[in-house]
Structure formats: C-alpha cells, structure tokens
Amino acid sequence: MTDDWVSLFSGGKDSSWALYQALAAGHNVTRLLTVHPSEDSYMYHVPETQLASLAAESIGIDLIEIDPGDLDAHEATDSAAQGDAELEPLEEALTALADDIDLAGVTAGAIESEFQTNRIQGMCDRLGIDLFAPLWQRDPEELAAEMLDAGFEITILQVAAYGLDESWLGRTLDADAIDDLRELNAEYGVHLLGEGGEFETFVTNGPHMDRRIELEYDTEWNGDSGRIRITDAKLVE
C-alpha cells in the first residue's frame, strides 16, 4: 500500500493553496474532504461549499463530502466545547477512511488560527497521522504574492468586516485588490487574507486544475456584511 493523504478542502484559497503545496511536496493526495455546515461554524468554511465538487472534478482527485447539518454554532456559549464538537464528524470520517486506505496525513490551510489548528493537530495525534499545514505562521504578504504568482484565480464570496462594502462581493482577489486590502489593514485592521473571517473566497482556476470554473450569482447585502449566492456554476475549457 502507498501512503495516502487527505486534503481538508473547501475550495477556498487557503485550503486550495495547502493542497497545491502538498502536491508540489510530493504527498500522495488521493482524497479531498469537504464538510458542509448548513449554518454558522467555528471550525469550517461555510459559504457555497457545494462548489467543492466542481473543483475536485477539475483537480482530478476524489472528493469525500460530510454533511453534519446545523452545528448550532449560533447558540454556542463555550467556544472550546463547540470547536471540539464540530471536529467530531470529521474525525469519524477519517477514522472510517483509515480502514480502507493507508492514511498518512491530512493537509490544512490555517494561517494564524490556533483554535482550528490545535484541534486538527490533536485529531491527527489521536489518529497517528501527520498534519501538513504549509500556510501556518507565514507572512500574509508573501502568501498572497505566491498565490497570485502561481496563477490562482480567486473570487470573494462573502465579506464581514468594517471597510469591506458590497463592491467586494464577487470581486477577484488580484494585485489591485491586495493593494486595497493593504490600505484597509492599515486603517481598520482587515487581515490581508481574511484570516479572521473578514472575507471568504473560492478558487476558480489554478495550475492544479485542468478547467476553470465559471460562476453566475446573485448578491445579498445586510448593511455591514454580505455574500454571493451561486445560481449556476460550470467547468469551462
């Protein structure tokens, strides 16, 4: 048997970059794994996770999908307990998968969140597997430059930070957007890569994909935050 790796994958820029780096490092990634929370989550990317299946098709790696339903994050009073509870369906899925493959490790796209990374590391320790987290503690400026230099095409799906208005919904995260975010970081503290949940993204194309993803969508704006709602998505040459 070969050592198999699983990439924790939402289709967003961070998990996509972690996958890309894992492949570049020679890890045998044979599965992508997406968790689909129906509502808010402390541990997982939420908006438009159904797009992960199209991304997986373009990447050419099998996708495992977990539907935990409503994680009741909006009712949580203990964030630590909530994070532990949200991790359970993921750990159960990986435990079951380890019966079928020679599971060596998982990839994760966390940059600064100890809340998420510590829990995923603890899960890996319990399962006796490795964690590959190539974005961890990296400089956001360098990461942004590397993603764009590699040819990642990134669309902003959701914003929730002072300074980010409706015009950011559906915007491409390119060099001009990074310049604007740099100014918003100086003025309001917006993280350059949205690590604090200021914005969420989806990668529509990259060097690890054989077809780009074309999106059609409507926008929703709620005064100080908003998101896009996908109406159609397809792979194009």
Protein backbone atom coordinates (compact mmCIF):
# COMPACT_ATOMS: atom_id res chain seq x y z
CA MET A 1 0.00 0.00 0.00
CA THR A 2 1.07 3.59 -0.57
CA ASP A 3 0.86 6.43 1.91
CA ASP A 4 -2.38 8.31 1.20
CA TRP A 5 -3.01 11.92 2.10
CA VAL A 6 -6.35 13.68 2.53
CA SER A 7 -6.69 17.41 1.90
CA LEU A 8 -9.24 19.20 4.05
CA PHE A 9 -10.84 21.21 1.28
CA SER A 10 -13.45 23.94 0.97
CA GLY A 11 -12.44 25.24 -2.45
CA GLY A 12 -11.28 28.48 -0.83
CA LYS A 13 -7.84 29.94 -1.38
CA ASP A 14 -6.24 28.66 1.83
CA SER A 15 -7.26 25.02 1.56
CA SER A 16 -6.53 25.11 -2.18
CA TRP A 17 -3.05 26.50 -1.56
CA ALA A 18 -2.39 23.85 1.09
CA LEU A 19 -3.42 21.18 -1.44
CA TYR A 20 -1.25 22.74 -4.16
CA GLN A 21 1.75 22.82 -1.83
CA ALA A 22 1.14 19.22 -0.72
CA LEU A 23 1.16 18.06 -4.33
CA ALA A 24 4.31 20.08 -5.00
CA ALA A 25 5.96 18.46 -1.97
CA GLY A 26 5.22 15.02 -3.40
CA HIS A 27 2.48 13.98 -0.97
CA ASN A 28 0.19 11.37 -2.49
CA VAL A 29 -3.14 13.21 -2.08
CA THR A 30 -5.80 10.68 -3.04
CA ARG A 31 -8.84 12.30 -1.41
CA LEU A 32 -10.25 15.76 -0.84
CA LEU A 33 -12.61 16.12 2.09
CA THR A 34 -15.27 18.81 2.40
CA VAL A 35 -17.51 19.45 5.41
CA HIS A 36 -20.81 21.15 4.53
CA PRO A 37 -22.19 23.01 7.57
CA SER A 38 -25.75 24.12 6.96
CA GLU A 39 -25.30 27.22 9.14
CA ASP A 40 -22.53 29.02 11.02
CA SER A 41 -19.41 27.15 12.11
CA TYR A 42 -16.42 27.75 14.37
CA MET A 43 -14.24 25.24 12.51
CA TYR A 44 -15.26 25.19 8.87
CA HIS A 45 -15.65 27.41 5.83
CA VAL A 46 -19.39 27.84 5.23
CA PRO A 47 -20.40 29.76 2.06
CA GLU A 48 -21.03 27.84 -1.17
CA THR A 49 -19.18 24.66 -0.20
CA GLN A 50 -21.20 22.81 -2.84
CA LEU A 51 -18.72 24.25 -5.34
CA ALA A 52 -16.05 21.90 -3.96
CA SER A 53 -17.36 19.08 -6.13
CA LEU A 54 -16.69 21.06 -9.32
CA ALA A 55 -13.24 21.99 -8.06
CA ALA A 56 -12.48 18.36 -7.25
CA GLU A 57 -13.56 17.34 -10.75
CA SER A 58 -11.25 19.92 -12.27
CA ILE A 59 -8.37 18.90 -9.99
CA GLY A 60 -8.96 15.22 -10.67
CA ILE A 61 -8.98 13.95 -7.08
CA ASP A 62 -11.87 12.07 -5.47
CA LEU A 63 -14.00 14.08 -3.04
CA ILE A 64 -15.43 12.91 0.27
CA GLU A 65 -18.34 15.03 1.48
CA ILE A 66 -19.60 15.26 5.05
CA ASP A 67 -22.96 16.81 5.88
CA PRO A 68 -23.10 17.44 9.64
CA GLY A 69 -26.28 19.51 9.39
CA ASP A 70 -26.75 22.51 11.67
CA LEU A 71 -23.82 22.61 14.10
CA ASP A 72 -25.74 25.02 16.40
CA ALA A 73 -22.79 27.41 16.38
CA HIS A 74 -25.13 30.39 16.78
CA GLU A 75 -26.27 29.01 20.15
CA ALA A 76 -22.82 28.14 21.48
CA THR A 77 -21.79 29.61 24.81
CA ASP A 78 -18.48 27.74 25.13
CA SER A 79 -16.32 28.18 22.05
CA ALA A 80 -13.84 25.47 23.06
CA ALA A 81 -16.58 22.88 23.56
CA GLN A 82 -18.20 23.97 20.29
CA GLY A 83 -14.94 23.55 18.38
CA ASP A 84 -14.44 20.08 19.86
CA ALA A 85 -17.99 19.06 18.95
CA GLU A 86 -17.66 20.33 15.39
CA LEU A 87 -14.48 18.30 14.90
CA GLU A 88 -16.23 15.01 15.72
CA PRO A 89 -17.84 14.29 12.31
CA LEU A 90 -14.52 15.00 10.58
CA GLU A 91 -12.60 12.69 12.90
CA GLU A 92 -15.21 9.96 12.50
CA ALA A 93 -14.95 10.19 8.70
CA LEU A 94 -11.15 10.00 8.77
CA THR A 95 -11.25 7.08 11.21
CA ALA A 96 -13.53 5.18 8.85
CA LEU A 97 -11.38 6.10 5.85
CA ALA A 98 -8.25 4.82 7.59
CA ASP A 99 -9.82 1.33 7.49
CA ASP A 100 -9.79 1.47 3.69
CA ILE A 101 -6.57 3.32 2.82
CA ASP A 102 -3.09 3.73 4.24
CA LEU A 103 -3.80 7.15 5.71
CA ALA A 104 -0.56 9.06 6.25
CA GLY A 105 -1.82 12.55 6.96
CA VAL A 106 -4.07 15.49 6.21
CA THR A 107 -3.46 18.97 4.87
CA ALA A 108 -4.98 22.12 6.36
CA GLY A 109 -4.97 25.75 5.25
CA ALA A 110 -4.88 27.60 8.56
CA ILE A 111 -2.64 30.67 8.70
CA GLU A 112 -2.99 32.04 12.24
CA SER A 113 -5.95 30.31 13.90
CA GLU A 114 -4.67 28.31 16.86
CA PHE A 115 -8.30 27.47 17.64
CA GLN A 116 -8.59 25.41 14.46
CA THR A 117 -5.01 24.22 14.07
CA ASN A 118 -4.61 22.93 17.61
CA ARG A 119 -7.79 20.86 17.25
CA ILE A 120 -6.76 19.43 13.89
CA GLN A 121 -3.30 18.63 15.26
CA GLY A 122 -4.89 16.90 18.26
CA MET A 123 -7.07 14.87 15.91
CA CYS A 124 -4.04 13.85 13.87
CA ASP A 125 -2.20 12.83 17.03
CA ARG A 126 -5.13 10.62 18.06
CA LEU A 127 -5.25 9.05 14.60
CA GLY A 128 -1.48 8.60 14.44
CA ILE A 129 -1.15 10.62 11.21
CA ASP A 130 0.75 13.74 10.14
CA LEU A 131 -0.51 17.27 9.60
CA PHE A 132 0.77 19.31 6.65
CA ALA A 133 -0.03 22.99 7.22
CA PRO A 134 2.15 24.96 4.78
CA LEU A 135 0.46 28.31 5.42
CA TRP A 136 0.89 28.17 9.19
CA GLN A 137 2.52 31.33 10.60
CA ARG A 138 3.50 32.51 7.11
CA ASP A 139 3.59 36.20 6.26
CA PRO A 140 0.28 37.15 4.59
CA GLU A 141 2.03 39.44 2.10
CA GLU A 142 4.27 36.61 0.92
CA LEU A 143 1.40 34.14 0.74
CA ALA A 144 -0.76 36.50 -1.29
CA ALA A 145 2.10 37.12 -3.73
CA GLU A 146 2.80 33.39 -4.06
CA MET A 147 -0.84 32.53 -4.77
CA LEU A 148 -1.15 35.18 -7.46
CA ASP A 149 2.26 34.39 -8.98
CA ALA A 150 1.24 30.73 -9.24
CA GLY A 151 -1.82 31.71 -11.26
CA PHE A 152 -4.58 31.22 -8.69
CA GLU A 153 -7.80 32.96 -9.73
CA ILE A 154 -9.71 33.79 -6.55
CA THR A 155 -13.26 35.12 -6.16
CA ILE A 156 -14.53 36.73 -2.96
CA LEU A 157 -17.75 35.02 -1.82
CA GLN A 158 -18.51 36.75 1.48
CA VAL A 159 -17.40 39.79 3.45
CA ALA A 160 -17.93 40.71 7.09
CA ALA A 161 -15.55 43.47 8.15
CA TYR A 162 -15.64 47.24 8.52
CA GLY A 163 -14.29 48.75 5.32
CA LEU A 164 -15.43 45.91 3.06
CA ASP A 165 -18.59 47.01 1.27
CA GLU A 166 -20.90 45.39 -1.27
CA SER A 167 -18.49 46.12 -4.13
CA TRP A 168 -16.21 43.39 -2.80
CA LEU A 169 -18.79 40.65 -3.40
CA GLY A 170 -17.71 38.66 -6.44
CA ARG A 171 -14.51 40.69 -6.77
CA THR A 172 -11.37 38.93 -7.96
CA LEU A 173 -8.62 38.84 -5.35
CA ASP A 174 -5.88 40.18 -7.61
CA ALA A 175 -2.96 42.58 -7.15
CA ASP A 176 -5.27 45.63 -7.16
CA ALA A 177 -7.49 44.05 -4.51
CA ILE A 178 -4.44 43.25 -2.38
CA ASP A 179 -3.37 46.90 -2.63
CA ASP A 180 -6.82 47.98 -1.43
CA LEU A 181 -6.74 45.42 1.38
CA ARG A 182 -3.34 46.70 2.44
CA GLU A 183 -4.89 50.14 2.92
CA LEU A 184 -7.87 48.66 4.79
CA ASN A 185 -5.47 46.76 7.00
CA ALA A 186 -3.70 49.99 7.94
CA GLU A 187 -6.97 51.84 8.54
CA TYR A 188 -9.25 49.19 10.04
CA GLY A 189 -7.08 46.15 10.72
CA VAL A 190 -8.61 43.97 8.00
CA HIS A 191 -6.42 40.91 7.54
CA LEU A 192 -4.78 40.82 4.13
CA LEU A 193 -6.05 37.26 3.54
CA GLY A 194 -9.25 37.48 5.58
CA GLU A 195 -7.93 35.10 8.22
CA GLY A 196 -10.24 36.44 10.93
CA GLY A 197 -13.33 35.69 8.85
CA GLU A 198 -13.32 39.15 7.27
CA PHE A 199 -13.86 37.55 3.88
CA GLU A 200 -14.26 34.10 2.33
CA THR A 201 -13.13 33.00 -1.12
CA PHE A 202 -13.31 30.36 -3.84
CA VAL A 203 -10.57 29.40 -6.31
CA THR A 204 -11.99 29.29 -9.83
CA ASN A 205 -8.73 28.35 -11.55
CA GLY A 206 -5.15 27.41 -10.79
CA PRO A 207 -2.20 25.38 -12.08
CA HIS A 208 -3.51 22.26 -10.32
CA MET A 209 -6.84 22.45 -12.21
CA ASP A 210 -7.44 21.34 -15.80
CA ARG A 211 -10.53 23.51 -16.31
CA ARG A 212 -11.60 26.81 -14.80
CA ILE A 213 -14.93 27.26 -13.02
CA GLU A 214 -17.34 29.88 -14.30
CA LEU A 215 -19.75 31.33 -11.74
CA GLU A 216 -23.08 33.08 -12.02
CA TYR A 217 -24.55 34.54 -8.84
CA ASP A 218 -26.79 36.99 -7.05
CA THR A 219 -25.59 39.17 -4.19
CA GLU A 220 -27.07 39.68 -0.73
CA TRP A 221 -26.17 42.68 1.42
CA ASN A 222 -27.23 43.14 5.02
CA GLY A 223 -25.93 46.57 5.92
CA ASP A 224 -22.47 45.64 7.18
CA SER A 225 -21.91 42.20 5.64
CA GLY A 226 -22.94 40.21 2.63
CA ARG A 227 -22.38 37.21 0.41
CA ILE A 228 -22.99 35.94 -3.07
CA ARG A 229 -25.48 33.16 -3.80
CA ILE A 230 -24.45 30.90 -6.66
CA THR A 231 -27.17 30.49 -9.30
CA ASP A 232 -25.05 28.50 -11.75
CA ALA A 233 -21.54 27.09 -11.92
CA LYS A 234 -19.83 25.08 -14.62
CA LEU A 235 -16.45 23.89 -15.80
CA VAL A 236 -15.14 25.57 -18.95
CA GLU A 237 -12.05 24.95 -21.07
